[in-house]
C-alpha atoms as a PDB file:
ATOM      1  CA  MET A   1     183.126 126.811  96.480  1.00  0.00           C
ATOM      2  CA  LYS A   2     186.457 128.639  96.495  1.00  0.00           C
ATOM      3  CA  ILE A   3     189.302 126.600  95.002  1.00  0.00           C
ATOM      4  CA  LEU A   4     193.055 127.189  94.789  1.00  0.00           C
ATOM      5  CA  VAL A   5     194.768 125.487  91.839  1.00  0.00           C
ATOM      6  CA  ILE A   6     198.556 125.096  92.194  1.00  0.00           C
ATOM      7  CA  GLU A   7     199.668 123.810  88.783  1.00  0.00           C
ATOM      8  CA  ASP A   8     202.545 124.917  86.543  1.00  0.00           C
ATOM      9  CA  ASN A   9     201.340 123.264  83.321  1.00  0.00           C
ATOM     10  CA  GLU A  10     199.514 126.070  81.517  1.00  0.00           C
ATOM     11  CA  ASP A  11     197.201 123.801  79.521  1.00  0.00           C
ATOM     12  CA  VAL A  12     196.166 121.721  82.526  1.00  0.00           C
ATOM     13  CA  ALA A  13     195.682 124.788  84.723  1.00  0.00           C
ATOM     14  CA  PHE A  14     193.647 126.571  82.049  1.00  0.00           C
ATOM     15  CA  ALA A  15     191.385 123.545  81.541  1.00  0.00           C
ATOM     16  CA  ILE A  16     190.735 123.155  85.274  1.00  0.00           C
ATOM     17  CA  CYS A  17     190.174 126.861  85.935  1.00  0.00           C
ATOM     18  CA  GLU A  18     187.881 127.428  82.968  1.00  0.00           C
ATOM     19  CA  ARG A  19     185.793 124.359  83.774  1.00  0.00           C
ATOM     20  CA  MET A  20     185.355 125.295  87.421  1.00  0.00           C
ATOM     21  CA  ARG A  21     184.593 128.941  86.663  1.00  0.00           C
ATOM     22  CA  SER A  22     181.947 127.843  84.173  1.00  0.00           C
ATOM     23  CA  ARG A  23     180.313 125.878  87.002  1.00  0.00           C
ATOM     24  CA  GLY A  24     180.135 128.963  89.205  1.00  0.00           C
ATOM     25  CA  TYR A  25     183.111 128.267  91.457  1.00  0.00           C
ATOM     26  CA  HIS A  26     185.613 130.931  92.456  1.00  0.00           C
ATOM     27  CA  ILE A  27     189.096 129.934  91.264  1.00  0.00           C
ATOM     28  CA  GLU A  28     192.557 131.250  92.078  1.00  0.00           C
ATOM     29  CA  HIS A  29     195.640 129.930  90.307  1.00  0.00           C
ATOM     30  CA  SER A  30     199.330 129.784  91.150  1.00  0.00           C
ATOM     31  CA  ASN A  31     201.976 128.285  88.855  1.00  0.00           C
ATOM     32  CA  ASN A  32     204.651 127.695  91.502  1.00  0.00           C
ATOM     33  CA  GLY A  33     204.968 126.119  94.924  1.00  0.00           C
ATOM     34  CA  SER A  34     206.251 129.157  96.807  1.00  0.00           C
ATOM     35  CA  GLU A  35     203.337 131.407  95.868  1.00  0.00           C
ATOM     36  CA  GLY A  36     200.882 128.524  96.219  1.00  0.00           C
ATOM     37  CA  THR A  37     202.073 127.881  99.756  1.00  0.00           C
ATOM     38  CA  GLU A  38     201.614 131.537 100.711  1.00  0.00           C
ATOM     39  CA  LEU A  39     198.094 131.615  99.275  1.00  0.00           C
ATOM     40  CA  GLY A  40     197.194 128.366 101.018  1.00  0.00           C
ATOM     41  CA  LEU A  41     198.523 129.623 104.340  1.00  0.00           C
ATOM     42  CA  HIS A  42     196.928 133.062 104.300  1.00  0.00           C
ATOM     43  CA  SER A  43     193.686 132.738 102.307  1.00  0.00           C
ATOM     44  CA  ASP A  44     190.492 130.829 103.002  1.00  0.00           C
ATOM     45  CA  TYR A  45     189.733 128.059 100.481  1.00  0.00           C
ATOM     46  CA  ASP A  46     187.253 125.207 100.368  1.00  0.00           C
ATOM     47  CA  CYS A  47     189.643 122.970  98.400  1.00  0.00           C
ATOM     48  CA  ILE A  48     193.156 122.994  96.967  1.00  0.00           C
ATOM     49  CA  VAL A  49     194.215 121.230  93.748  1.00  0.00           C
ATOM     50  CA  LEU A  50     197.956 120.581  94.084  1.00  0.00           C
ATOM     51  CA  ASP A  51     200.359 119.283  91.444  1.00  0.00           C
ATOM     52  CA  ILE A  52     203.363 117.287  92.683  1.00  0.00           C
ATOM     53  CA  ASN A  53     205.894 118.360  90.047  1.00  0.00           C
ATOM     54  CA  LEU A  54     206.189 122.092  90.628  1.00  0.00           C
ATOM     55  CA  PRO A  55     209.241 124.269  89.948  1.00  0.00           C
ATOM     56  CA  GLY A  56     211.310 125.152  93.005  1.00  0.00           C
ATOM     57  CA  VAL A  57     209.090 124.089  95.899  1.00  0.00           C
ATOM     58  CA  ASP A  58     207.388 120.840  94.902  1.00  0.00           C
ATOM     59  CA  GLY A  59     203.972 119.546  95.945  1.00  0.00           C
ATOM     60  CA  PHE A  60     205.386 117.470  98.808  1.00  0.00           C
ATOM     61  CA  GLU A  61     206.883 120.587 100.403  1.00  0.00           C
ATOM     62  CA  VAL A  62     203.726 122.633  99.803  1.00  0.00           C
ATOM     63  CA  LEU A  63     201.501 120.059 101.483  1.00  0.00           C
ATOM     64  CA  SER A  64     203.942 119.556 104.338  1.00  0.00           C
ATOM     65  CA  SER A  65     204.056 123.321 104.996  1.00  0.00           C
ATOM     66  CA  LEU A  66     200.254 123.588 105.005  1.00  0.00           C
ATOM     67  CA  ARG A  67     199.711 120.672 107.363  1.00  0.00           C
ATOM     68  CA  THR A  68     202.563 121.757 109.671  1.00  0.00           C
ATOM     69  CA  ALA A  69     200.825 125.154 109.936  1.00  0.00           C
ATOM     70  CA  LYS A  70     197.558 123.331 110.863  1.00  0.00           C
ATOM     71  CA  VAL A  71     195.819 124.316 107.624  1.00  0.00           C
ATOM     72  CA  THR A  72     193.049 121.718 107.260  1.00  0.00           C
ATOM     73  CA  THR A  73     191.787 122.738 103.801  1.00  0.00           C
ATOM     74  CA  PRO A  74     191.064 119.569 101.756  1.00  0.00           C
ATOM     75  CA  VAL A  75     193.817 118.907  99.206  1.00  0.00           C
ATOM     76  CA  LEU A  76     193.489 116.880  96.001  1.00  0.00           C
ATOM     77  CA  VAL A  77     196.887 115.973  94.575  1.00  0.00           C
ATOM     78  CA  LEU A  78     197.641 115.688  90.856  1.00  0.00           C
ATOM     79  CA  THR A  79     200.538 113.542  89.670  1.00  0.00           C
ATOM     80  CA  ALA A  80     201.842 112.574  86.247  1.00  0.00           C
ATOM     81  CA  ARG A  81     203.399 109.458  87.751  1.00  0.00           C
ATOM     82  CA  ASP A  82     201.226 106.474  88.607  1.00  0.00           C
ATOM     83  CA  GLN A  83     203.568 105.403  91.392  1.00  0.00           C
ATOM     84  CA  LEU A  84     202.286 103.898  94.627  1.00  0.00           C
ATOM     85  CA  GLY A  85     205.072 105.503  96.664  1.00  0.00           C
ATOM     86  CA  ASP A  86     204.037 109.034  95.644  1.00  0.00           C
ATOM     87  CA  LYS A  87     200.411 108.352  96.528  1.00  0.00           C
ATOM     88  CA  VAL A  88     201.251 106.850  99.912  1.00  0.00           C
ATOM     89  CA  ASP A  89     203.649 109.685 100.764  1.00  0.00           C
ATOM     90  CA  MET A  90     201.105 112.381  99.887  1.00  0.00           C
ATOM     91  CA  LEU A  91     198.310 110.658 101.811  1.00  0.00           C
ATOM     92  CA  ASP A  92     200.626 110.293 104.805  1.00  0.00           C
ATOM     93  CA  LEU A  93     201.413 114.022 104.590  1.00  0.00           C
ATOM     94  CA  GLY A  94     197.682 114.807 104.779  1.00  0.00           C
ATOM     95  CA  ALA A  95     196.325 114.775 101.225  1.00  0.00           C
ATOM     96  CA  ASP A  96     192.616 113.977 100.994  1.00  0.00           C
ATOM     97  CA  ASP A  97     192.601 112.463  97.500  1.00  0.00           C
ATOM     98  CA  TYR A  98     194.762 112.110  94.394  1.00  0.00           C
ATOM     99  CA  MET A  99     194.362 111.765  90.622  1.00  0.00           C
ATOM    100  CA  VAL A 100     196.821 110.615  87.982  1.00  0.00           C
ATOM    101  CA  LYS A 101     197.169 112.670  84.781  1.00  0.00           C
ATOM    102  CA  PRO A 102     195.521 112.595  82.327  1.00  0.00           C
ATOM    103  CA  PHE A 103     192.150 112.773  84.057  1.00  0.00           C
ATOM    104  CA  ALA A 104     188.548 113.638  83.233  1.00  0.00           C
ATOM    105  CA  LEU A 105     187.347 117.056  84.392  1.00  0.00           C
ATOM    106  CA  ASP A 106     183.979 115.567  85.354  1.00  0.00           C
ATOM    107  CA  GLU A 107     185.715 113.237  87.792  1.00  0.00           C
ATOM    108  CA  LEU A 108     187.943 115.993  89.159  1.00  0.00           C
ATOM    109  CA  GLU A 109     184.901 118.166  89.870  1.00  0.00           C
ATOM    110  CA  ALA A 110     183.059 115.280  91.534  1.00  0.00           C
ATOM    111  CA  ARG A 111     186.042 114.465  93.741  1.00  0.00           C
ATOM    112  CA  LEU A 112     186.417 118.094  94.798  1.00  0.00           C
ATOM    113  CA  ARG A 113     182.754 118.199  95.809  1.00  0.00           C
ATOM    114  CA  ALA A 114     183.212 114.952  97.732  1.00  0.00           C
ATOM    115  CA  ILE A 115     186.225 116.054  99.786  1.00  0.00           C
ATOM    116  CA  SER A 116     184.582 119.424 100.421  1.00  0.00           C
ATOM    117  CA  ARG A 117     181.464 117.687 101.773  1.00  0.00           C
ATOM    118  CA  ARG A 118     183.571 115.444 103.993  1.00  0.00           C
ATOM    119  CA  GLN A 119     185.325 118.499 105.406  1.00  0.00           C
ATOM    120  CA  SER A 120     182.023 120.238 106.214  1.00  0.00           C
ATOM    121  CA  GLY A 121     180.399 117.064 107.501  1.00  0.00           C
ATOM    122  CA  GLY A 122     177.910 116.979 104.638  1.00  0.00           C
ATOM    123  CA  VAL A 123     176.754 113.763 102.989  1.00  0.00           C
ATOM    124  CA  SER A 124     174.571 114.954 100.133  1.00  0.00           C
ATOM    125  CA  ALA A 125     175.161 116.854  96.910  1.00  0.00           C
ATOM    126  CA  VAL A 126     171.757 118.521  97.376  1.00  0.00           C
ATOM    127  CA  LEU A 127     171.204 121.229  99.978  1.00  0.00           C
ATOM    128  CA  GLN A 128     167.714 121.731 101.398  1.00  0.00           C
ATOM    129  CA  VAL A 129     166.084 124.390 103.556  1.00  0.00           C
ATOM    130  CA  GLY A 130     162.361 123.770 103.762  1.00  0.00           C
ATOM    131  CA  ALA A 131     161.157 123.326 100.179  1.00  0.00           C
ATOM    132  CA  LEU A 132     164.173 125.205  98.790  1.00  0.00           C
ATOM    133  CA  PHE A 133     166.715 122.921  97.089  1.00  0.00           C
ATOM    134  CA  LEU A 134     170.150 123.585  95.652  1.00  0.00           C
ATOM    135  CA  ASP A 135     171.741 120.889  93.504  1.00  0.00           C
ATOM    136  CA  GLN A 136     175.445 121.430  94.100  1.00  0.00           C
ATOM    137  CA  ALA A 137     176.430 119.261  91.149  1.00  0.00           C
ATOM    138  CA  GLY A 138     174.080 120.845  88.629  1.00  0.00           C
ATOM    139  CA  ARG A 139     174.282 124.340  90.230  1.00  0.00           C
ATOM    140  CA  ALA A 140     170.471 124.506  90.028  1.00  0.00           C
ATOM    141  CA  VAL A 141     168.034 126.074  92.523  1.00  0.00           C
ATOM    142  CA  SER A 142     164.369 125.180  92.920  1.00  0.00           C
ATOM    143  CA  PHE A 143     161.476 125.767  95.293  1.00  0.00           C
ATOM    144  CA  ASN A 144     158.555 123.321  95.404  1.00  0.00           C
ATOM    145  CA  ASP A 145     160.070 121.719  92.279  1.00  0.00           C
ATOM    146  CA  GLU A 146     159.871 125.030  90.395  1.00  0.00           C
ATOM    147  CA  PRO A 147     163.258 126.248  89.105  1.00  0.00           C
ATOM    148  CA  ILE A 148     164.635 129.605  90.243  1.00  0.00           C
ATOM    149  CA  ASP A 149     166.927 131.278  87.727  1.00  0.00           C
ATOM    150  CA  MET A 150     170.171 132.423  89.378  1.00  0.00           C
ATOM    151  CA  GLY A 151     173.567 133.448  88.074  1.00  0.00           C
ATOM    152  CA  PRO A 152     176.741 131.553  89.102  1.00  0.00           C
ATOM    153  CA  ARG A 153     177.741 133.965  91.852  1.00  0.00           C
ATOM    154  CA  GLU A 154     174.174 134.159  93.176  1.00  0.00           C
ATOM    155  CA  VAL A 155     174.165 130.365  93.414  1.00  0.00           C
ATOM    156  CA  GLN A 156     177.515 130.470  95.196  1.00  0.00           C
ATOM    157  CA  LEU A 157     176.166 132.970  97.738  1.00  0.00           C
ATOM    158  CA  LEU A 158     172.983 130.959  98.347  1.00  0.00           C
ATOM    159  CA  GLU A 159     174.998 127.745  98.622  1.00  0.00           C
ATOM    160  CA  TYR A 160     177.132 129.148 101.442  1.00  0.00           C
ATOM    161  CA  LEU A 161     174.123 130.563 103.285  1.00  0.00           C
ATOM    162  CA  MET A 162     172.281 127.226 102.977  1.00  0.00           C
ATOM    163  CA  GLN A 163     175.323 125.351 104.267  1.00  0.00           C
ATOM    164  CA  HIS A 164     175.145 127.585 107.355  1.00  0.00           C
ATOM    165  CA  SER A 165     171.361 127.893 107.570  1.00  0.00           C
ATOM    166  CA  GLY A 166     170.145 129.200 110.912  1.00  0.00           C
ATOM    167  CA  THR A 167     173.477 130.793 111.809  1.00  0.00           C
ATOM    168  CA  THR A 168     174.772 134.263 111.063  1.00  0.00           C
ATOM    169  CA  VAL A 169     177.410 134.479 108.346  1.00  0.00           C
ATOM    170  CA  LEU A 170     179.703 137.482 108.669  1.00  0.00           C
ATOM    171  CA  LYS A 171     179.736 139.910 105.758  1.00  0.00           C
ATOM    172  CA  GLU A 172     183.540 139.761 105.739  1.00  0.00           C
ATOM    173  CA  THR A 173     183.359 135.977 105.373  1.00  0.00           C
ATOM    174  CA  LEU A 174     181.139 136.329 102.305  1.00  0.00           C
ATOM    175  CA  VAL A 175     183.559 138.830 100.760  1.00  0.00           C
ATOM    176  CA  SER A 176     186.359 136.285 101.256  1.00  0.00           C
ATOM    177  CA  LYS A 177     184.326 133.343  99.919  1.00  0.00           C
ATOM    178  CA  LEU A 178     182.828 135.078  96.893  1.00  0.00           C
ATOM    179  CA  PHE A 179     185.719 137.315  95.895  1.00  0.00           C
ATOM    180  CA  GLY A 180     189.343 136.407  96.302  1.00  0.00           C
ATOM    181  CA  TYR A 181     192.878 137.508  95.618  1.00  0.00           C
ATOM    182  CA  GLY A 182     192.993 139.677  92.497  1.00  0.00           C
ATOM    183  CA  ASP A 183     189.210 139.754  92.192  1.00  0.00           C
ATOM    184  CA  VAL A 184     187.000 142.794  92.701  1.00  0.00           C
ATOM    185  CA  GLY A 185     184.949 142.403  95.852  1.00  0.00           C
ATOM    186  CA  SER A 186     183.674 144.552  98.664  1.00  0.00           C
ATOM    187  CA  PRO A 187     180.935 144.636 101.311  1.00  0.00           C
ATOM    188  CA  ASN A 188     178.881 146.719  98.878  1.00  0.00           C
ATOM    189  CA  ALA A 189     179.187 144.000  96.225  1.00  0.00           C
ATOM    190  CA  VAL A 190     177.960 141.436  98.749  1.00  0.00           C
ATOM    191  CA  GLU A 191     175.009 143.674  99.659  1.00  0.00           C
ATOM    192  CA  LEU A 192     174.072 143.873  95.976  1.00  0.00           C
ATOM    193  CA  LEU A 193     174.207 140.095  95.633  1.00  0.00           C
ATOM    194  CA  ILE A 194     172.150 139.657  98.800  1.00  0.00           C
ATOM    195  CA  SER A 195     169.534 142.022  97.400  1.00  0.00           C
ATOM    196  CA  ARG A 196     169.304 140.089  94.129  1.00  0.00           C
ATOM    197  CA  VAL A 197     169.062 136.681  95.801  1.00  0.00           C
ATOM    198  CA  ARG A 198     166.563 137.969  98.354  1.00  0.00           C
ATOM    199  CA  LYS A 199     164.329 139.198  95.528  1.00  0.00           C
ATOM    200  CA  LYS A 200     164.471 135.810  93.820  1.00  0.00           C
ATOM    201  CA  LEU A 201     163.470 134.110  97.084  1.00  0.00           C
ATOM    202  CA  SER A 202     160.598 136.540  97.725  1.00  0.00           C
ATOM    203  CA  ASN A 203     157.909 133.987  96.796  1.00  0.00           C
ATOM    204  CA  THR A 204     159.359 131.234  98.978  1.00  0.00           C
ATOM    205  CA  GLN A 205     159.215 130.629 102.717  1.00  0.00           C
ATOM    206  CA  VAL A 206     162.971 131.106 102.946  1.00  0.00           C
ATOM    207  CA  GLN A 207     164.328 134.524 103.793  1.00  0.00           C
ATOM    208  CA  ILE A 208     167.692 136.191 104.211  1.00  0.00           C
ATOM    209  CA  HIS A 209     167.704 138.219 107.410  1.00  0.00           C
ATOM    210  CA  THR A 210     170.185 141.032 107.931  1.00  0.00           C
ATOM    211  CA  GLN A 211     171.936 141.554 111.243  1.00  0.00           C
ATOM    212  CA  ARG A 212     173.058 145.130 110.872  1.00  0.00           C
ATOM    213  CA  GLY A 213     176.774 145.600 111.093  1.00  0.00           C
ATOM    214  CA  VAL A 214     177.342 141.848 111.402  1.00  0.00           C
ATOM    215  CA  GLY A 215     176.097 139.703 108.533  1.00  0.00           C
ATOM    216  CA  TYR A 216     173.255 137.589 107.184  1.00  0.00           C
ATOM    217  CA  GLN A 217     171.235 134.551 108.188  1.00  0.00           C
ATOM    218  CA  LEU A 218     169.159 132.239 105.987  1.00  0.00           C
ATOM    219  CA  ARG A 219     166.121 130.798 107.731  1.00  0.00           C
ATOM    220  CA  LEU A 220     162.566 129.585 107.268  1.00  0.00           C
ATOM    221  CA  THR A 221     159.683 131.899 108.003  1.00  0.00           C
ATOM    222  CA  ARG A 222     157.458 130.876 110.915  1.00  0.00           C
ATOM    223  CA  ASN A 223     154.500 129.928 108.753  1.00  0.00           C
ATOM    224  CA  ASP A 224     156.492 127.275 106.871  1.00  0.00           C
ATOM    225  CA  PRO A 225     155.156 123.874 107.943  1.00  0.00           C
ATOM    226  CA  ALA A 226     158.534 122.229 107.370  1.00  0.00           C
END
């Protein structure tokens, strides 16, 4: 999952970013509303964490700009004020959820997964293709109940392919999802990740097929009874 955090409090932003990175998510951070708006408008994110009290352009203006531009990325709002009016206003502007500071990082992560699933139409925290399972909460992969050891970015790649199982995912889309603004990413880096994940799936009935010049598709082999 690729998450944009728009938060000017250094301690809060650091805690959120470090926690999410440790769970294998790709995180980008902005400490002001103007830059956050630009990133939200022109980059592809799965979720946005948005603080209300930002310098210059506040969270209300950021959210309004995104929704006016038809950006449908799920937004979770953070506020230091437990005021009903703020919550109602943000929900009316198009926020998907809100949390009042201070908050537990476990709950923040769970809520981000929830709004991301609602956006994609998913209902479960566990992805399945045949006997291959990916626990999105625990970031764990298994086949026939046997664990498969994968690094955070490998899990992130497999997660996206499983979410779009049976359809071709463009290589450029994977570059955008796995590597973002200020990060080092390229089609060659995606090819390397694909190679590593493909090797780890070699003893399963799930394969990553390459469509040359286009992208990749995750699908079951024909001999899989599922």
